[in-house]
């Protein structure tokens, strides 16, 4: 995708994200802007707003961190054949990097995808893995502080 088209796409996504954040009275202390989504953390209200562009249609989700029991980085690898495995590094088979949220009520886990090999160039994988780990660390700290306060 051409840089100016990507910039325009992100600007439109950001406008929608800000409006939705205002509508829900969220104030973001942490913001992550990716090619196809924006993730905002309102630490005070303990809510995560995710807005994703799916072919110019915006999908949104709010995750209430009070309802989350754990979050962890999850990596999914494509199938590996034994001939290629000898030549290639394991990272070359990485197809998805996400944060998976498990809920206290036992509801279906939610995956927040940061990297998907079909959507992002391979040269962005390391940066997106770093961003995923940072977000997971921030959220895990918030969850552990909450658990310590309730104990």
N, C-alpha and C. Protein backbone atom coordinates (compact mmCIF):
# COMPACT_ATOMS: atom_id res chain seq x y z
N UNK A 1 0.85 -1.17 0.00
CA UNK A 1 0.00 0.00 0.00
C UNK A 1 0.89 1.24 0.00
N UNK A 2 0.55 2.20 -0.80
CA UNK A 2 1.29 3.44 -0.89
C UNK A 2 1.21 4.19 0.43
N UNK A 3 2.30 4.86 0.80
CA UNK A 3 2.40 5.54 2.09
C UNK A 3 1.28 6.56 2.30
N UNK A 4 0.98 7.38 1.29
CA UNK A 4 -0.06 8.41 1.47
C UNK A 4 -1.44 7.78 1.66
N UNK A 5 -1.71 6.67 0.98
CA UNK A 5 -2.98 5.96 1.18
C UNK A 5 -3.07 5.39 2.59
N UNK A 6 -1.95 4.83 3.06
CA UNK A 6 -1.92 4.27 4.42
C UNK A 6 -2.11 5.37 5.45
N UNK A 7 -1.46 6.50 5.23
CA UNK A 7 -1.59 7.64 6.16
C UNK A 7 -3.03 8.12 6.21
N UNK A 8 -3.68 8.23 5.06
CA UNK A 8 -5.07 8.68 4.99
C UNK A 8 -5.99 7.67 5.69
N UNK A 9 -5.74 6.41 5.48
CA UNK A 9 -6.53 5.34 6.10
C UNK A 9 -6.42 5.42 7.62
N UNK A 10 -5.21 5.62 8.12
CA UNK A 10 -4.99 5.71 9.56
C UNK A 10 -5.63 6.96 10.14
N UNK A 11 -5.57 8.08 9.42
CA UNK A 11 -6.21 9.31 9.88
C UNK A 11 -7.71 9.13 10.04
N UNK A 12 -8.35 8.48 9.08
CA UNK A 12 -9.79 8.22 9.16
C UNK A 12 -10.11 7.28 10.32
N UNK A 13 -9.28 6.27 10.50
CA UNK A 13 -9.46 5.34 11.60
C UNK A 13 -9.31 6.06 12.95
N UNK A 14 -8.37 6.97 13.03
CA UNK A 14 -8.13 7.74 14.25
C UNK A 14 -9.31 8.66 14.57
N UNK A 15 -9.90 9.26 13.55
CA UNK A 15 -11.09 10.11 13.76
C UNK A 15 -12.21 9.28 14.37
N UNK A 16 -12.47 8.12 13.79
CA UNK A 16 -13.52 7.24 14.31
C UNK A 16 -13.18 6.79 15.73
N UNK A 17 -11.92 6.43 15.97
CA UNK A 17 -11.46 5.98 17.28
C UNK A 17 -11.70 7.07 18.34
N UNK A 18 -11.32 8.29 18.03
CA UNK A 18 -11.48 9.40 18.99
C UNK A 18 -12.95 9.66 19.29
N UNK A 19 -13.79 9.62 18.27
CA UNK A 19 -15.23 9.82 18.49
C UNK A 19 -15.80 8.74 19.38
N UNK A 20 -15.42 7.51 19.11
CA UNK A 20 -15.92 6.40 19.92
C UNK A 20 -15.40 6.49 21.36
N UNK A 21 -14.14 6.88 21.52
CA UNK A 21 -13.58 7.07 22.86
C UNK A 21 -14.32 8.14 23.62
N UNK A 22 -14.64 9.26 22.96
CA UNK A 22 -15.41 10.34 23.59
C UNK A 22 -16.81 9.88 23.96
N UNK A 23 -17.44 9.14 23.07
CA UNK A 23 -18.78 8.62 23.31
C UNK A 23 -18.84 7.76 24.58
N UNK A 24 -17.76 7.01 24.82
CA UNK A 24 -17.69 6.13 26.00
C UNK A 24 -16.95 6.80 27.17
N UNK A 25 -16.65 8.10 27.04
CA UNK A 25 -16.00 8.87 28.09
C UNK A 25 -14.65 8.26 28.50
N UNK A 26 -13.87 7.84 27.50
CA UNK A 26 -12.57 7.24 27.77
C UNK A 26 -11.46 8.27 27.56
N UNK A 27 -10.45 8.18 28.39
CA UNK A 27 -9.27 9.04 28.29
C UNK A 27 -8.06 8.13 28.21
N UNK A 28 -7.35 8.18 27.11
CA UNK A 28 -6.31 7.18 26.85
C UNK A 28 -4.95 7.58 27.40
N UNK A 29 -4.37 6.67 28.16
CA UNK A 29 -3.04 6.85 28.72
C UNK A 29 -2.00 6.13 27.87
N UNK A 30 -2.46 5.23 27.01
CA UNK A 30 -1.58 4.46 26.15
C UNK A 30 -2.30 4.25 24.83
N UNK A 31 -1.63 4.54 23.73
CA UNK A 31 -2.24 4.42 22.41
C UNK A 31 -1.27 3.70 21.49
N UNK A 32 -1.77 2.72 20.78
CA UNK A 32 -0.97 1.98 19.82
C UNK A 32 -1.67 2.03 18.47
N UNK A 33 -0.97 2.57 17.46
CA UNK A 33 -1.54 2.70 16.13
C UNK A 33 -0.83 1.71 15.21
N UNK A 34 -1.60 0.79 14.66
CA UNK A 34 -1.07 -0.19 13.72
C UNK A 34 -1.66 0.09 12.35
N UNK A 35 -1.29 -0.68 11.35
CA UNK A 35 -1.78 -0.47 9.98
C UNK A 35 -3.30 -0.57 9.88
N UNK A 36 -3.88 -1.51 10.61
CA UNK A 36 -5.31 -1.78 10.45
C UNK A 36 -6.12 -1.61 11.72
N UNK A 37 -5.49 -1.15 12.80
CA UNK A 37 -6.23 -0.98 14.04
C UNK A 37 -5.56 0.02 14.95
N UNK A 38 -6.36 0.53 15.88
CA UNK A 38 -5.86 1.41 16.94
C UNK A 38 -6.32 0.82 18.26
N UNK A 39 -5.39 0.77 19.20
CA UNK A 39 -5.65 0.22 20.52
C UNK A 39 -5.39 1.32 21.54
N UNK A 40 -6.39 1.60 22.35
CA UNK A 40 -6.25 2.64 23.36
C UNK A 40 -6.54 2.09 24.74
N UNK A 41 -5.70 2.42 25.69
CA UNK A 41 -5.87 1.98 27.08
C UNK A 41 -6.24 3.17 27.93
N UNK A 42 -7.38 3.07 28.61
CA UNK A 42 -7.78 4.03 29.62
C UNK A 42 -7.46 3.35 30.95
N UNK A 43 -6.31 3.67 31.50
CA UNK A 43 -5.83 3.00 32.72
C UNK A 43 -6.72 3.31 33.92
N UNK A 44 -7.22 4.53 34.00
CA UNK A 44 -8.04 4.91 35.15
C UNK A 44 -9.34 4.12 35.18
N UNK A 45 -9.98 3.97 34.04
CA UNK A 45 -11.23 3.21 33.97
C UNK A 45 -11.00 1.72 33.71
N UNK A 46 -9.74 1.37 33.45
CA UNK A 46 -9.35 -0.01 33.16
C UNK A 46 -10.14 -0.60 31.99
N UNK A 47 -10.09 0.15 30.90
CA UNK A 47 -10.77 -0.30 29.67
C UNK A 47 -9.81 -0.19 28.50
N UNK A 48 -9.96 -1.12 27.59
CA UNK A 48 -9.17 -1.16 26.37
C UNK A 48 -10.13 -1.01 25.19
N UNK A 49 -9.91 0.01 24.37
CA UNK A 49 -10.73 0.22 23.18
C UNK A 49 -9.92 -0.21 21.97
N UNK A 50 -10.51 -1.07 21.16
CA UNK A 50 -9.86 -1.55 19.95
C UNK A 50 -10.78 -1.21 18.77
N UNK A 51 -10.23 -0.50 17.80
CA UNK A 51 -10.98 -0.19 16.58
C UNK A 51 -10.16 -0.72 15.42
N UNK A 52 -10.80 -1.53 14.59
CA UNK A 52 -10.11 -2.16 13.47
C UNK A 52 -10.81 -1.83 12.16
N UNK A 53 -10.01 -1.58 11.14
CA UNK A 53 -10.51 -1.32 9.79
C UNK A 53 -10.61 -2.65 9.04
N UNK A 54 -11.82 -3.03 8.67
CA UNK A 54 -12.06 -4.21 7.86
C UNK A 54 -12.67 -3.76 6.55
N UNK A 55 -11.81 -3.46 5.57
CA UNK A 55 -12.26 -2.99 4.26
C UNK A 55 -13.17 -1.76 4.37
N UNK A 56 -12.68 -0.74 5.06
CA UNK A 56 -13.36 0.55 5.24
C UNK A 56 -14.63 0.45 6.08
N UNK A 57 -14.78 -0.62 6.80
CA UNK A 57 -15.85 -0.77 7.79
C UNK A 57 -15.14 -0.96 9.12
N UNK A 58 -15.51 -0.14 10.11
CA UNK A 58 -14.81 -0.18 11.38
C UNK A 58 -15.52 -1.09 12.37
N UNK A 59 -14.75 -2.02 12.92
CA UNK A 59 -15.22 -2.88 14.00
C UNK A 59 -14.59 -2.38 15.28
N UNK A 60 -15.37 -2.39 16.36
CA UNK A 60 -14.82 -1.92 17.63
C UNK A 60 -15.16 -2.91 18.74
N UNK A 61 -14.33 -2.87 19.75
CA UNK A 61 -14.53 -3.72 20.92
C UNK A 61 -13.95 -2.99 22.12
N UNK A 62 -14.66 -3.06 23.23
CA UNK A 62 -14.14 -2.54 24.49
C UNK A 62 -13.96 -3.73 25.42
N UNK A 63 -12.75 -3.86 25.93
CA UNK A 63 -12.46 -4.92 26.90
C UNK A 63 -12.35 -4.27 28.27
N UNK A 64 -13.20 -4.72 29.17
CA UNK A 64 -13.19 -4.24 30.55
C UNK A 64 -12.17 -5.08 31.32
N UNK A 65 -11.08 -4.46 31.73
CA UNK A 65 -10.01 -5.20 32.39
C UNK A 65 -10.41 -5.72 33.77
N UNK A 66 -11.49 -5.18 34.33
CA UNK A 66 -12.00 -5.73 35.59
C UNK A 66 -12.54 -7.15 35.38
N UNK A 67 -12.92 -7.47 34.14
CA UNK A 67 -13.47 -8.78 33.83
C UNK A 67 -12.41 -9.77 33.35
N UNK A 68 -11.17 -9.30 33.15
CA UNK A 68 -10.09 -10.14 32.62
C UNK A 68 -9.34 -10.81 33.76
N UNK A 69 -9.14 -12.12 33.64
CA UNK A 69 -8.36 -12.83 34.65
C UNK A 69 -6.88 -12.84 34.28
N UNK A 70 -6.56 -13.08 33.02
CA UNK A 70 -5.16 -13.09 32.56
C UNK A 70 -5.08 -12.61 31.12
N UNK A 71 -3.90 -12.15 30.77
CA UNK A 71 -3.60 -11.86 29.37
C UNK A 71 -2.18 -12.34 29.11
N UNK A 72 -1.97 -12.87 27.92
CA UNK A 72 -0.66 -13.41 27.59
C UNK A 72 -0.40 -13.31 26.09
N UNK A 73 0.88 -13.20 25.75
CA UNK A 73 1.26 -13.18 24.34
C UNK A 73 1.09 -14.59 23.79
N UNK A 74 0.49 -14.67 22.63
CA UNK A 74 0.29 -15.97 21.98
C UNK A 74 0.86 -15.87 20.57
N UNK A 75 1.69 -16.85 20.22
CA UNK A 75 2.26 -16.91 18.88
C UNK A 75 1.73 -18.16 18.19
N UNK A 76 1.35 -17.99 16.94
CA UNK A 76 0.86 -19.11 16.15
C UNK A 76 1.79 -19.28 14.95
N UNK A 77 2.20 -20.51 14.72
CA UNK A 77 3.12 -20.82 13.64
C UNK A 77 2.41 -21.60 12.55
N UNK A 78 2.84 -21.38 11.31
CA UNK A 78 2.30 -22.16 10.21
C UNK A 78 2.93 -23.55 10.25
N UNK A 79 2.38 -24.46 9.48
CA UNK A 79 2.92 -25.82 9.47
C UNK A 79 4.34 -25.82 8.92
N UNK A 80 5.12 -26.72 9.45
CA UNK A 80 6.54 -26.82 9.10
C UNK A 80 6.78 -28.19 8.48
N UNK A 81 7.39 -28.19 7.30
CA UNK A 81 7.78 -29.49 6.75
C UNK A 81 9.23 -29.75 7.12
N UNK A 82 9.59 -31.01 7.27
CA UNK A 82 10.90 -31.37 7.80
C UNK A 82 12.05 -30.93 6.89
N UNK A 83 11.84 -30.87 5.59
CA UNK A 83 12.90 -30.47 4.67
C UNK A 83 13.23 -28.98 4.85
N UNK A 84 12.21 -28.13 4.90
CA UNK A 84 12.43 -26.69 5.05
C UNK A 84 12.94 -26.33 6.42
N UNK A 85 12.55 -27.10 7.43
CA UNK A 85 12.93 -26.77 8.81
C UNK A 85 14.44 -26.79 8.98
N UNK A 86 15.10 -27.66 8.27
CA UNK A 86 16.57 -27.75 8.36
C UNK A 86 17.22 -26.43 7.90
N UNK A 87 16.63 -25.77 6.91
CA UNK A 87 17.22 -24.57 6.32
C UNK A 87 16.74 -23.29 6.98
N UNK A 88 15.53 -23.26 7.45
CA UNK A 88 14.91 -22.02 7.93
C UNK A 88 14.92 -21.91 9.45
N UNK A 89 14.81 -20.67 9.92
CA UNK A 89 14.67 -20.42 11.35
C UNK A 89 13.21 -20.53 11.73
N UNK A 90 12.94 -20.84 13.00
CA UNK A 90 11.56 -21.00 13.46
C UNK A 90 10.74 -19.72 13.26
N UNK A 91 11.38 -18.57 13.37
CA UNK A 91 10.69 -17.29 13.19
C UNK A 91 10.10 -17.12 11.81
N UNK A 92 10.64 -17.82 10.84
CA UNK A 92 10.13 -17.72 9.47
C UNK A 92 8.77 -18.39 9.33
N UNK A 93 8.37 -19.18 10.31
CA UNK A 93 7.08 -19.86 10.27
C UNK A 93 6.02 -19.15 11.12
N UNK A 94 6.42 -18.07 11.76
CA UNK A 94 5.49 -17.33 12.62
C UNK A 94 4.41 -16.67 11.76
N UNK A 95 3.16 -16.99 12.03
CA UNK A 95 2.08 -16.42 11.22
C UNK A 95 1.25 -15.38 11.98
N UNK A 96 1.19 -15.49 13.31
CA UNK A 96 0.36 -14.56 14.09
C UNK A 96 1.00 -14.29 15.45
N UNK A 97 0.95 -13.03 15.86
CA UNK A 97 1.34 -12.64 17.22
C UNK A 97 0.14 -11.88 17.80
N UNK A 98 -0.31 -12.30 18.96
CA UNK A 98 -1.50 -11.69 19.56
C UNK A 98 -1.37 -11.67 21.08
N UNK A 99 -2.25 -10.89 21.70
CA UNK A 99 -2.44 -10.98 23.14
C UNK A 99 -3.78 -11.67 23.33
N UNK A 100 -3.79 -12.71 24.13
CA UNK A 100 -5.02 -13.44 24.39
C UNK A 100 -5.53 -13.09 25.80
N UNK A 101 -6.79 -12.71 25.87
CA UNK A 101 -7.43 -12.34 27.13
C UNK A 101 -8.33 -13.48 27.59
N UNK A 102 -8.14 -13.92 28.82
CA UNK A 102 -9.03 -14.90 29.45
C UNK A 102 -9.88 -14.14 30.47
N UNK A 103 -11.14 -14.55 30.56
CA UNK A 103 -12.09 -13.83 31.40
C UNK A 103 -12.46 -14.61 32.65
N UNK A 104 -12.72 -13.87 33.70
CA UNK A 104 -13.08 -14.46 34.99
C UNK A 104 -14.33 -15.31 34.91
N UNK A 105 -15.28 -14.90 34.08
CA UNK A 105 -16.55 -15.63 33.98
C UNK A 105 -16.45 -16.87 33.10
N UNK A 106 -15.25 -17.17 32.61
CA UNK A 106 -15.06 -18.34 31.77
C UNK A 106 -15.51 -18.15 30.34
N UNK A 107 -15.80 -16.91 29.96
CA UNK A 107 -16.23 -16.62 28.59
C UNK A 107 -15.14 -16.94 27.58
N UNK A 108 -15.51 -16.92 26.33
CA UNK A 108 -14.58 -17.22 25.25
C UNK A 108 -13.42 -16.24 25.26
N UNK A 109 -12.18 -16.74 25.24
CA UNK A 109 -11.03 -15.84 25.19
C UNK A 109 -11.07 -14.96 23.95
N UNK A 110 -10.48 -13.78 24.06
CA UNK A 110 -10.41 -12.83 22.96
C UNK A 110 -8.95 -12.64 22.59
N UNK A 111 -8.66 -12.68 21.29
CA UNK A 111 -7.29 -12.47 20.81
C UNK A 111 -7.19 -11.10 20.15
N UNK A 112 -6.25 -10.31 20.59
CA UNK A 112 -5.96 -9.01 20.01
C UNK A 112 -4.71 -9.19 19.14
N UNK A 113 -4.90 -9.25 17.83
CA UNK A 113 -3.82 -9.57 16.90
C UNK A 113 -3.00 -8.32 16.59
N UNK A 114 -1.68 -8.44 16.78
CA UNK A 114 -0.75 -7.37 16.44
C UNK A 114 -0.07 -7.65 15.10
N UNK A 115 0.21 -8.91 14.83
CA UNK A 115 0.89 -9.28 13.58
C UNK A 115 0.18 -10.48 12.96
N UNK A 116 -0.10 -10.36 11.68
CA UNK A 116 -0.66 -11.47 10.91
C UNK A 116 0.09 -11.46 9.59
N UNK A 117 0.71 -12.57 9.25
CA UNK A 117 1.60 -12.58 8.09
C UNK A 117 0.94 -12.15 6.79
N UNK A 118 -0.36 -12.29 6.67
CA UNK A 118 -1.05 -11.86 5.45
C UNK A 118 -1.24 -10.34 5.41
N UNK A 119 -1.23 -9.67 6.57
CA UNK A 119 -1.53 -8.24 6.64
C UNK A 119 -0.30 -7.34 6.75
N UNK A 120 0.81 -7.90 7.20
CA UNK A 120 1.99 -7.10 7.48
C UNK A 120 3.21 -7.67 6.78
N UNK A 121 4.11 -6.80 6.32
CA UNK A 121 5.37 -7.31 5.76
C UNK A 121 6.21 -7.96 6.86
N UNK A 122 7.00 -8.94 6.48
CA UNK A 122 7.84 -9.68 7.43
C UNK A 122 8.81 -8.74 8.15
N UNK A 123 9.27 -7.68 7.47
CA UNK A 123 10.23 -6.79 8.11
C UNK A 123 9.63 -5.99 9.27
N UNK A 124 8.31 -6.01 9.44
CA UNK A 124 7.66 -5.34 10.57
C UNK A 124 7.40 -6.29 11.74
N UNK A 125 7.69 -7.57 11.56
CA UNK A 125 7.38 -8.57 12.58
C UNK A 125 8.08 -8.28 13.91
N UNK A 126 9.36 -7.99 13.89
CA UNK A 126 10.11 -7.77 15.14
C UNK A 126 9.55 -6.58 15.92
N UNK A 127 9.25 -5.49 15.21
CA UNK A 127 8.70 -4.31 15.87
C UNK A 127 7.32 -4.61 16.48
N UNK A 128 6.49 -5.34 15.75
CA UNK A 128 5.16 -5.66 16.24
C UNK A 128 5.22 -6.65 17.41
N UNK A 129 6.19 -7.55 17.38
CA UNK A 129 6.37 -8.47 18.51
C UNK A 129 6.78 -7.68 19.76
N UNK A 130 7.64 -6.69 19.59
CA UNK A 130 8.07 -5.83 20.68
C UNK A 130 6.87 -5.06 21.26
N UNK A 131 6.03 -4.49 20.37
CA UNK A 131 4.85 -3.75 20.81
C UNK A 131 3.88 -4.66 21.55
N UNK A 132 3.73 -5.89 21.07
CA UNK A 132 2.84 -6.86 21.71
C UNK A 132 3.31 -7.16 23.13
N UNK A 133 4.60 -7.41 23.27
CA UNK A 133 5.16 -7.73 24.60
C UNK A 133 5.02 -6.55 25.55
N UNK A 134 5.25 -5.33 25.05
CA UNK A 134 5.10 -4.14 25.90
C UNK A 134 3.66 -3.97 26.37
N UNK A 135 2.71 -4.14 25.46
CA UNK A 135 1.30 -4.01 25.83
C UNK A 135 0.92 -5.09 26.83
N UNK A 136 1.37 -6.31 26.60
CA UNK A 136 1.06 -7.42 27.52
C UNK A 136 1.65 -7.14 28.90
N UNK A 137 2.85 -6.60 28.95
CA UNK A 137 3.50 -6.30 30.22
C UNK A 137 2.71 -5.21 30.97
N UNK A 138 2.30 -4.16 30.27
CA UNK A 138 1.51 -3.09 30.88
C UNK A 138 0.20 -3.62 31.43
N UNK A 139 -0.50 -4.41 30.62
CA UNK A 139 -1.80 -4.95 31.05
C UNK A 139 -1.64 -5.94 32.20
N UNK A 140 -0.62 -6.78 32.15
CA UNK A 140 -0.39 -7.75 33.22
C UNK A 140 -0.10 -7.06 34.54
N UNK A 141 0.67 -5.97 34.49
CA UNK A 141 0.95 -5.21 35.71
C UNK A 141 -0.34 -4.64 36.29
N UNK A 142 -1.20 -4.12 35.42
CA UNK A 142 -2.48 -3.58 35.89
C UNK A 142 -3.33 -4.67 36.52
N UNK A 143 -3.34 -5.85 35.91
CA UNK A 143 -4.13 -6.96 36.45
C UNK A 143 -3.56 -7.44 37.78
N UNK A 144 -2.23 -7.50 37.91
CA UNK A 144 -1.64 -7.98 39.16
C UNK A 144 -1.82 -6.96 40.28
N UNK A 145 -1.77 -5.65 39.98
CA UNK A 145 -2.01 -4.62 40.99
C UNK A 145 -3.44 -4.71 41.48
N UNK A 146 -4.37 -4.94 40.56
CA UNK A 146 -5.77 -5.07 40.93
C UNK A 146 -5.96 -6.27 41.86
N UNK A 147 -5.30 -7.38 41.55
CA UNK A 147 -5.42 -8.59 42.37
C UNK A 147 -4.84 -8.35 43.77
N UNK A 148 -3.72 -7.62 43.85
CA UNK A 148 -3.12 -7.34 45.15
C UNK A 148 -4.02 -6.46 46.00
N UNK A 149 -4.70 -5.50 45.35
CA UNK A 149 -5.60 -4.59 46.09
C UNK A 149 -6.84 -5.34 46.61
N UNK A 150 -7.30 -6.32 45.84
CA UNK A 150 -8.51 -7.04 46.26
C UNK A 150 -8.21 -8.15 47.26
N UNK A 151 -6.94 -8.47 47.47
CA UNK A 151 -6.56 -9.53 48.41
C UNK A 151 -6.50 -9.02 49.83
